[in-house]
Amino acid sequence: MIIAPSLLSADFGNLNKDIEMVNRSEADWFHLDVMDGVFVPNISFGFPIIEAISRKATKPLDVHLMIVQPERYISQVRDTGAFIMNIHQEATTHLHRTVQAIKSAGMKAAVTLNPATPVVMLEDVITDLYMVLLMGVNPGFGGQKFIDQTVAKTRALHELIQRSGSKAIIEVDGGVNINTGALLAQAGASALVAGSAIFKADNPSQYISDLKRL
């Protein structure tokens, strides 16, 4: 299981400490949520913060843009050193074009679906994607309760990937903990984003290790 701790739940008053914890842990990626206050009802952080994290991080950056018209920022995301550029299907008009532009910029292309967006929306681009991220909550805030339907949706996406011959990874973000993570793993998820569950744990590094073994 690929584990990507979400720094949205980290201590921004002492970010170095949490970055170092993730660096030392068994985590695979850093998950960075960029929110614009338009596509989602919250504002998080932008490129200066991502660049600062990139200088400290020893693991790849999974940059998740919860913003309108993410295609405008492909070069800036690339320049931060991002490994994955993750955009919402609902946020860009020309999804295929944007996916190809991300790949041409040298990054892995990922697409996110909100809870109410069916997996069928990706049928025509699924073979072009490195990863699909399913939201287990409505995006915009950390610490929300997991939407149970996400498990069935993960299973449906896994079937679409197998049917199409795609090699896309399934990632899930929102409400992920040991219990929900186990259900998602059984349904076909191979990457989990966890924020509150990790950073509020008594031993965050051990919690990451426990998630990896699901």
C-alpha atoms as a PDB file:
ATOM      1  CA  MET A   1       0.000   0.000   0.000  1.00  0.00           C
ATOM      2  CA  ILE A   2       1.271   3.456  -0.958  1.00  0.00           C
ATOM      3  CA  ILE A   3       0.788   5.925   1.917  1.00  0.00           C
ATOM      4  CA  ALA A   4       0.679   9.682   1.268  1.00  0.00           C
ATOM      5  CA  PRO A   5       0.302  11.753   4.471  1.00  0.00           C
ATOM      6  CA  SER A   6      -1.668  14.936   3.804  1.00  0.00           C
ATOM      7  CA  LEU A   7       0.227  17.959   5.090  1.00  0.00           C
ATOM      8  CA  LEU A   8      -3.061  19.872   5.279  1.00  0.00           C
ATOM      9  CA  SER A   9      -3.366  18.281   8.738  1.00  0.00           C
ATOM     10  CA  ALA A  10       0.220  18.995   9.766  1.00  0.00           C
ATOM     11  CA  ASP A  11       1.271  21.607  12.327  1.00  0.00           C
ATOM     12  CA  PHE A  12       1.951  24.699  10.213  1.00  0.00           C
ATOM     13  CA  GLY A  13       3.527  26.368  13.220  1.00  0.00           C
ATOM     14  CA  ASN A  14       6.230  23.700  13.154  1.00  0.00           C
ATOM     15  CA  LEU A  15       6.072  22.265   9.658  1.00  0.00           C
ATOM     16  CA  ASN A  16       9.707  21.139   9.638  1.00  0.00           C
ATOM     17  CA  LYS A  17       8.983  18.694  12.455  1.00  0.00           C
ATOM     18  CA  ASP A  18       6.135  17.020  10.583  1.00  0.00           C
ATOM     19  CA  ILE A  19       8.061  16.965   7.289  1.00  0.00           C
ATOM     20  CA  GLU A  20      10.977  15.255   9.033  1.00  0.00           C
ATOM     21  CA  MET A  21       8.602  12.730  10.605  1.00  0.00           C
ATOM     22  CA  VAL A  22       7.246  11.822   7.164  1.00  0.00           C
ATOM     23  CA  ASN A  23      10.795  11.693   5.744  1.00  0.00           C
ATOM     24  CA  ARG A  24      11.845   9.195   8.427  1.00  0.00           C
ATOM     25  CA  SER A  25       8.638   7.141   8.243  1.00  0.00           C
ATOM     26  CA  GLU A  26       7.588   4.391   5.836  1.00  0.00           C
ATOM     27  CA  ALA A  27       5.391   6.870   3.920  1.00  0.00           C
ATOM     28  CA  ASP A  28       5.826   6.934   0.153  1.00  0.00           C
ATOM     29  CA  TRP A  29       4.696  10.419  -0.893  1.00  0.00           C
ATOM     30  CA  PHE A  30       3.776  13.813   0.512  1.00  0.00           C
ATOM     31  CA  HIS A  31       0.177  14.736  -0.394  1.00  0.00           C
ATOM     32  CA  LEU A  32      -0.269  18.483  -0.841  1.00  0.00           C
ATOM     33  CA  ASP A  33      -3.780  19.946  -1.137  1.00  0.00           C
ATOM     34  CA  VAL A  34      -3.989  23.278  -2.950  1.00  0.00           C
ATOM     35  CA  MET A  35      -7.373  24.996  -2.431  1.00  0.00           C
ATOM     36  CA  ASP A  36      -8.497  28.231  -4.073  1.00  0.00           C
ATOM     37  CA  GLY A  37     -11.678  29.162  -2.180  1.00  0.00           C
ATOM     38  CA  VAL A  38     -13.607  28.892  -5.484  1.00  0.00           C
ATOM     39  CA  PHE A  39     -13.668  25.225  -6.488  1.00  0.00           C
ATOM     40  CA  VAL A  40     -13.783  24.322  -2.796  1.00  0.00           C
ATOM     41  CA  PRO A  41     -14.973  26.497   0.126  1.00  0.00           C
ATOM     42  CA  ASN A  42     -11.546  26.912   1.674  1.00  0.00           C
ATOM     43  CA  ILE A  43      -8.077  28.312   0.937  1.00  0.00           C
ATOM     44  CA  SER A  44      -4.962  26.338   1.883  1.00  0.00           C
ATOM     45  CA  PHE A  45      -1.552  27.232   0.458  1.00  0.00           C
ATOM     46  CA  GLY A  46       0.147  27.961  -2.854  1.00  0.00           C
ATOM     47  CA  PHE A  47       3.406  27.544  -4.726  1.00  0.00           C
ATOM     48  CA  PRO A  48       5.806  29.232  -2.256  1.00  0.00           C
ATOM     49  CA  ILE A  49       4.776  26.717   0.431  1.00  0.00           C
ATOM     50  CA  ILE A  50       5.025  23.774  -1.998  1.00  0.00           C
ATOM     51  CA  GLU A  51       8.518  24.904  -3.015  1.00  0.00           C
ATOM     52  CA  ALA A  52       9.559  25.193   0.632  1.00  0.00           C
ATOM     53  CA  ILE A  53       8.234  21.691   1.352  1.00  0.00           C
ATOM     54  CA  SER A  54       9.991  20.362  -1.758  1.00  0.00           C
ATOM     55  CA  ARG A  55      13.346  21.597  -0.459  1.00  0.00           C
ATOM     56  CA  LYS A  56      12.877  19.648   2.795  1.00  0.00           C
ATOM     57  CA  ALA A  57      11.059  16.565   1.523  1.00  0.00           C
ATOM     58  CA  THR A  58      13.027  13.430   0.635  1.00  0.00           C
ATOM     59  CA  LYS A  59       9.969  11.728  -0.877  1.00  0.00           C
ATOM     60  CA  PRO A  60       7.947  12.578  -4.016  1.00  0.00           C
ATOM     61  CA  LEU A  61       5.239  15.231  -3.976  1.00  0.00           C
ATOM     62  CA  ASP A  62       1.663  14.270  -4.869  1.00  0.00           C
ATOM     63  CA  VAL A  63       0.190  17.719  -5.614  1.00  0.00           C
ATOM     64  CA  HIS A  64      -3.623  17.746  -5.555  1.00  0.00           C
ATOM     65  CA  LEU A  65      -5.096  20.902  -7.105  1.00  0.00           C
ATOM     66  CA  MET A  66      -8.605  21.624  -5.812  1.00  0.00           C
ATOM     67  CA  ILE A  67      -8.821  24.696  -8.009  1.00  0.00           C
ATOM     68  CA  VAL A  68     -10.650  25.944 -11.090  1.00  0.00           C
ATOM     69  CA  GLN A  69      -8.796  25.795 -14.406  1.00  0.00           C
ATOM     70  CA  PRO A  70      -5.782  23.848 -13.102  1.00  0.00           C
ATOM     71  CA  GLU A  71      -4.366  23.779 -16.634  1.00  0.00           C
ATOM     72  CA  ARG A  72      -3.176  27.348 -16.093  1.00  0.00           C
ATOM     73  CA  TYR A  73      -0.622  26.195 -13.527  1.00  0.00           C
ATOM     74  CA  ILE A  74       1.060  23.173 -15.113  1.00  0.00           C
ATOM     75  CA  SER A  75       4.441  24.879 -15.465  1.00  0.00           C
ATOM     76  CA  GLN A  76       4.365  26.218 -11.899  1.00  0.00           C
ATOM     77  CA  VAL A  77       3.529  22.788 -10.490  1.00  0.00           C
ATOM     78  CA  ARG A  78       6.333  21.255 -12.543  1.00  0.00           C
ATOM     79  CA  ASP A  79       8.781  23.878 -11.282  1.00  0.00           C
ATOM     80  CA  THR A  80       8.081  22.899  -7.670  1.00  0.00           C
ATOM     81  CA  GLY A  81       9.494  19.461  -8.448  1.00  0.00           C
ATOM     82  CA  ALA A  82       6.124  17.688  -8.206  1.00  0.00           C
ATOM     83  CA  PHE A  83       6.057  13.989  -9.088  1.00  0.00           C
ATOM     84  CA  ILE A  84       2.268  13.855  -9.590  1.00  0.00           C
ATOM     85  CA  MET A  85      -0.052  16.652 -10.728  1.00  0.00           C
ATOM     86  CA  ASN A  86      -3.549  15.732  -9.676  1.00  0.00           C
ATOM     87  CA  ILE A  87      -6.516  17.682 -11.068  1.00  0.00           C
ATOM     88  CA  HIS A  88     -10.283  17.394 -10.645  1.00  0.00           C
ATOM     89  CA  GLN A  89     -12.378  16.118 -13.527  1.00  0.00           C
ATOM     90  CA  GLU A  90     -15.012  18.675 -12.525  1.00  0.00           C
ATOM     91  CA  ALA A  91     -12.576  21.619 -12.677  1.00  0.00           C
ATOM     92  CA  THR A  92     -11.295  21.528 -16.245  1.00  0.00           C
ATOM     93  CA  THR A  93     -13.290  21.733 -19.488  1.00  0.00           C
ATOM     94  CA  HIS A  94     -10.805  19.888 -21.708  1.00  0.00           C
ATOM     95  CA  LEU A  95      -9.665  16.999 -19.529  1.00  0.00           C
ATOM     96  CA  HIS A  96      -7.861  14.988 -22.209  1.00  0.00           C
ATOM     97  CA  ARG A  97      -5.854  18.021 -23.353  1.00  0.00           C
ATOM     98  CA  THR A  98      -4.885  18.890 -19.793  1.00  0.00           C
ATOM     99  CA  VAL A  99      -3.821  15.320 -18.988  1.00  0.00           C
ATOM    100  CA  GLN A 100      -1.568  15.271 -22.071  1.00  0.00           C
ATOM    101  CA  ALA A 101      -0.069  18.653 -21.129  1.00  0.00           C
ATOM    102  CA  ILE A 102       0.761  17.386 -17.629  1.00  0.00           C
ATOM    103  CA  LYS A 103       2.516  14.342 -19.086  1.00  0.00           C
ATOM    104  CA  SER A 104       4.372  16.492 -21.623  1.00  0.00           C
ATOM    105  CA  ALA A 105       5.634  18.621 -18.734  1.00  0.00           C
ATOM    106  CA  GLY A 106       7.294  15.524 -17.271  1.00  0.00           C
ATOM    107  CA  MET A 107       4.883  14.761 -14.437  1.00  0.00           C
ATOM    108  CA  LYS A 108       2.592  11.824 -13.720  1.00  0.00           C
ATOM    109  CA  ALA A 109      -1.021  12.731 -14.569  1.00  0.00           C
ATOM    110  CA  ALA A 110      -3.756  12.007 -12.035  1.00  0.00           C
ATOM    111  CA  VAL A 111      -7.443  12.882 -12.004  1.00  0.00           C
ATOM    112  CA  THR A 112      -9.678  13.227  -8.961  1.00  0.00           C
ATOM    113  CA  LEU A 113     -13.414  12.545  -8.750  1.00  0.00           C
ATOM    114  CA  ASN A 114     -15.680  14.194  -6.191  1.00  0.00           C
ATOM    115  CA  PRO A 115     -18.093  11.921  -4.277  1.00  0.00           C
ATOM    116  CA  ALA A 116     -21.045  12.603  -6.614  1.00  0.00           C
ATOM    117  CA  THR A 117     -19.050  12.141  -9.849  1.00  0.00           C
ATOM    118  CA  PRO A 118     -19.383   8.607 -11.272  1.00  0.00           C
ATOM    119  CA  VAL A 119     -16.327   6.674 -12.440  1.00  0.00           C
ATOM    120  CA  VAL A 120     -17.845   6.389 -15.936  1.00  0.00           C
ATOM    121  CA  MET A 121     -16.716  10.001 -16.479  1.00  0.00           C
ATOM    122  CA  LEU A 122     -13.158   8.699 -16.890  1.00  0.00           C
ATOM    123  CA  GLU A 123     -13.855   5.936 -19.409  1.00  0.00           C
ATOM    124  CA  ASP A 124     -12.288   7.829 -22.302  1.00  0.00           C
ATOM    125  CA  VAL A 125      -9.098   8.900 -20.482  1.00  0.00           C
ATOM    126  CA  ILE A 126      -8.488   6.041 -18.025  1.00  0.00           C
ATOM    127  CA  THR A 127      -5.695   4.511 -20.128  1.00  0.00           C
ATOM    128  CA  ASP A 128      -3.847   7.860 -20.156  1.00  0.00           C
ATOM    129  CA  LEU A 129      -3.710   8.194 -16.377  1.00  0.00           C
ATOM    130  CA  TYR A 130      -1.067   7.238 -13.856  1.00  0.00           C
ATOM    131  CA  MET A 131      -3.592   7.501 -11.028  1.00  0.00           C
ATOM    132  CA  VAL A 132      -7.219   8.207 -10.155  1.00  0.00           C
ATOM    133  CA  LEU A 133      -8.014   9.757  -6.785  1.00  0.00           C
ATOM    134  CA  LEU A 134     -11.453   9.141  -5.308  1.00  0.00           C
ATOM    135  CA  MET A 135     -12.617  11.605  -2.668  1.00  0.00           C
ATOM    136  CA  GLY A 136     -14.003   9.875   0.409  1.00  0.00           C
ATOM    137  CA  VAL A 137     -15.438  13.201   1.604  1.00  0.00           C
ATOM    138  CA  ASN A 138     -16.587  16.374  -0.124  1.00  0.00           C
ATOM    139  CA  PRO A 139     -13.345  18.317  -0.653  1.00  0.00           C
ATOM    140  CA  GLY A 140     -12.428  21.493   1.159  1.00  0.00           C
ATOM    141  CA  PHE A 141     -11.831  20.570   4.798  1.00  0.00           C
ATOM    142  CA  GLY A 142      -9.869  17.981   6.739  1.00  0.00           C
ATOM    143  CA  GLY A 143     -11.265  15.704   9.422  1.00  0.00           C
ATOM    144  CA  GLN A 144     -14.608  14.881   7.771  1.00  0.00           C
ATOM    145  CA  LYS A 145     -16.519  11.616   8.154  1.00  0.00           C
ATOM    146  CA  PHE A 146     -15.889   9.005   5.476  1.00  0.00           C
ATOM    147  CA  ILE A 147     -18.655   8.533   2.866  1.00  0.00           C
ATOM    148  CA  ASP A 148     -19.420   4.798   2.911  1.00  0.00           C
ATOM    149  CA  GLN A 149     -20.350   4.689  -0.800  1.00  0.00           C
ATOM    150  CA  THR A 150     -16.664   5.302  -1.570  1.00  0.00           C
ATOM    151  CA  VAL A 151     -15.928   1.602  -1.031  1.00  0.00           C
ATOM    152  CA  ALA A 152     -18.375   0.518  -3.763  1.00  0.00           C
ATOM    153  CA  LYS A 153     -17.058   3.306  -5.988  1.00  0.00           C
ATOM    154  CA  THR A 154     -13.501   2.045  -5.499  1.00  0.00           C
ATOM    155  CA  ARG A 155     -14.647  -1.412  -6.560  1.00  0.00           C
ATOM    156  CA  ALA A 156     -16.350   0.034  -9.675  1.00  0.00           C
ATOM    157  CA  LEU A 157     -13.206   1.975 -10.597  1.00  0.00           C
ATOM    158  CA  HIS A 158     -11.068  -1.137 -10.123  1.00  0.00           C
ATOM    159  CA  GLU A 159     -13.366  -2.989 -12.545  1.00  0.00           C
ATOM    160  CA  LEU A 160     -13.129  -0.143 -15.092  1.00  0.00           C
ATOM    161  CA  ILE A 161      -9.332  -0.187 -14.887  1.00  0.00           C
ATOM    162  CA  GLN A 162      -9.183  -3.952 -15.399  1.00  0.00           C
ATOM    163  CA  ARG A 163     -11.705  -3.865 -18.235  1.00  0.00           C
ATOM    164  CA  SER A 164      -9.866  -1.091 -20.084  1.00  0.00           C
ATOM    165  CA  GLY A 165      -6.372  -2.475 -19.632  1.00  0.00           C
ATOM    166  CA  SER A 166      -5.295   0.695 -17.831  1.00  0.00           C
ATOM    167  CA  LYS A 167      -2.439   0.528 -15.348  1.00  0.00           C
ATOM    168  CA  ALA A 168      -3.812   3.400 -13.249  1.00  0.00           C
ATOM    169  CA  ILE A 169      -3.345   3.356  -9.487  1.00  0.00           C
ATOM    170  CA  ILE A 170      -6.419   3.948  -7.291  1.00  0.00           C
ATOM    171  CA  GLU A 171      -5.853   6.469  -4.498  1.00  0.00           C
ATOM    172  CA  VAL A 172      -8.470   7.490  -1.907  1.00  0.00           C
ATOM    173  CA  ASP A 173      -8.440  10.700   0.119  1.00  0.00           C
ATOM    174  CA  GLY A 174     -10.806  11.795   2.890  1.00  0.00           C
ATOM    175  CA  GLY A 175     -11.868  10.013   6.051  1.00  0.00           C
ATOM    176  CA  VAL A 176      -9.107   7.437   5.655  1.00  0.00           C
ATOM    177  CA  ASN A 177      -8.016   5.590   8.790  1.00  0.00           C
ATOM    178  CA  ILE A 178      -7.093   2.006   9.692  1.00  0.00           C
ATOM    179  CA  ASN A 179     -10.723   0.826   9.522  1.00  0.00           C
ATOM    180  CA  THR A 180     -11.787   2.555   6.311  1.00  0.00           C
ATOM    181  CA  GLY A 181      -8.373   1.895   4.784  1.00  0.00           C
ATOM    182  CA  ALA A 182      -8.825  -1.847   5.228  1.00  0.00           C
ATOM    183  CA  LEU A 183     -12.159  -1.725   3.374  1.00  0.00           C
ATOM    184  CA  LEU A 184     -10.644   0.347   0.570  1.00  0.00           C
ATOM    185  CA  ALA A 185      -7.686  -2.012   0.206  1.00  0.00           C
ATOM    186  CA  GLN A 186     -10.075  -4.938  -0.197  1.00  0.00           C
ATOM    187  CA  ALA A 187     -12.003  -2.967  -2.841  1.00  0.00           C
ATOM    188  CA  GLY A 188      -8.895  -2.353  -4.952  1.00  0.00           C
ATOM    189  CA  ALA A 189      -7.251   0.836  -3.655  1.00  0.00           C
ATOM    190  CA  SER A 190      -3.464   0.793  -3.744  1.00  0.00           C
ATOM    191  CA  ALA A 191      -2.732   4.285  -2.379  1.00  0.00           C
ATOM    192  CA  LEU A 192      -4.195   6.002   0.682  1.00  0.00           C
ATOM    193  CA  VAL A 193      -4.082   9.655   1.683  1.00  0.00           C
ATOM    194  CA  ALA A 194      -4.511  10.244   5.406  1.00  0.00           C
ATOM    195  CA  GLY A 195      -4.286  13.509   7.282  1.00  0.00           C
ATOM    196  CA  SER A 196      -5.984  13.779  10.650  1.00  0.00           C
ATOM    197  CA  ALA A 197      -5.641  10.050  11.349  1.00  0.00           C
ATOM    198  CA  ILE A 198      -1.850  10.278  10.999  1.00  0.00           C
ATOM    199  CA  PHE A 199      -1.012  13.662  12.477  1.00  0.00           C
ATOM    200  CA  LYS A 200      -3.364  13.313  15.462  1.00  0.00           C
ATOM    201  CA  ALA A 201      -2.154   9.807  16.275  1.00  0.00           C
ATOM    202  CA  ASP A 202      -0.113   9.252  19.446  1.00  0.00           C
ATOM    203  CA  ASN A 203       2.631   7.812  17.247  1.00  0.00           C
ATOM    204  CA  PRO A 204       2.211   9.147  13.674  1.00  0.00           C
ATOM    205  CA  SER A 205       5.132   7.162  12.280  1.00  0.00           C
ATOM    206  CA  GLN A 206       3.733   3.905  13.655  1.00  0.00           C
ATOM    207  CA  TYR A 207       0.289   4.766  12.277  1.00  0.00           C
ATOM    208  CA  ILE A 208       1.833   5.162   8.818  1.00  0.00           C
ATOM    209  CA  SER A 209       3.460   1.744   9.213  1.00  0.00           C
ATOM    210  CA  ASP A 210       0.109   0.223  10.209  1.00  0.00           C
ATOM    211  CA  LEU A 211      -1.580   1.735   7.123  1.00  0.00           C
ATOM    212  CA  LYS A 212       1.144   0.357   4.858  1.00  0.00           C
ATOM    213  CA  ARG A 213       0.374  -3.156   6.006  1.00  0.00           C
ATOM    214  CA  LEU A 214      -3.326  -3.087   5.132  1.00  0.00           C
END
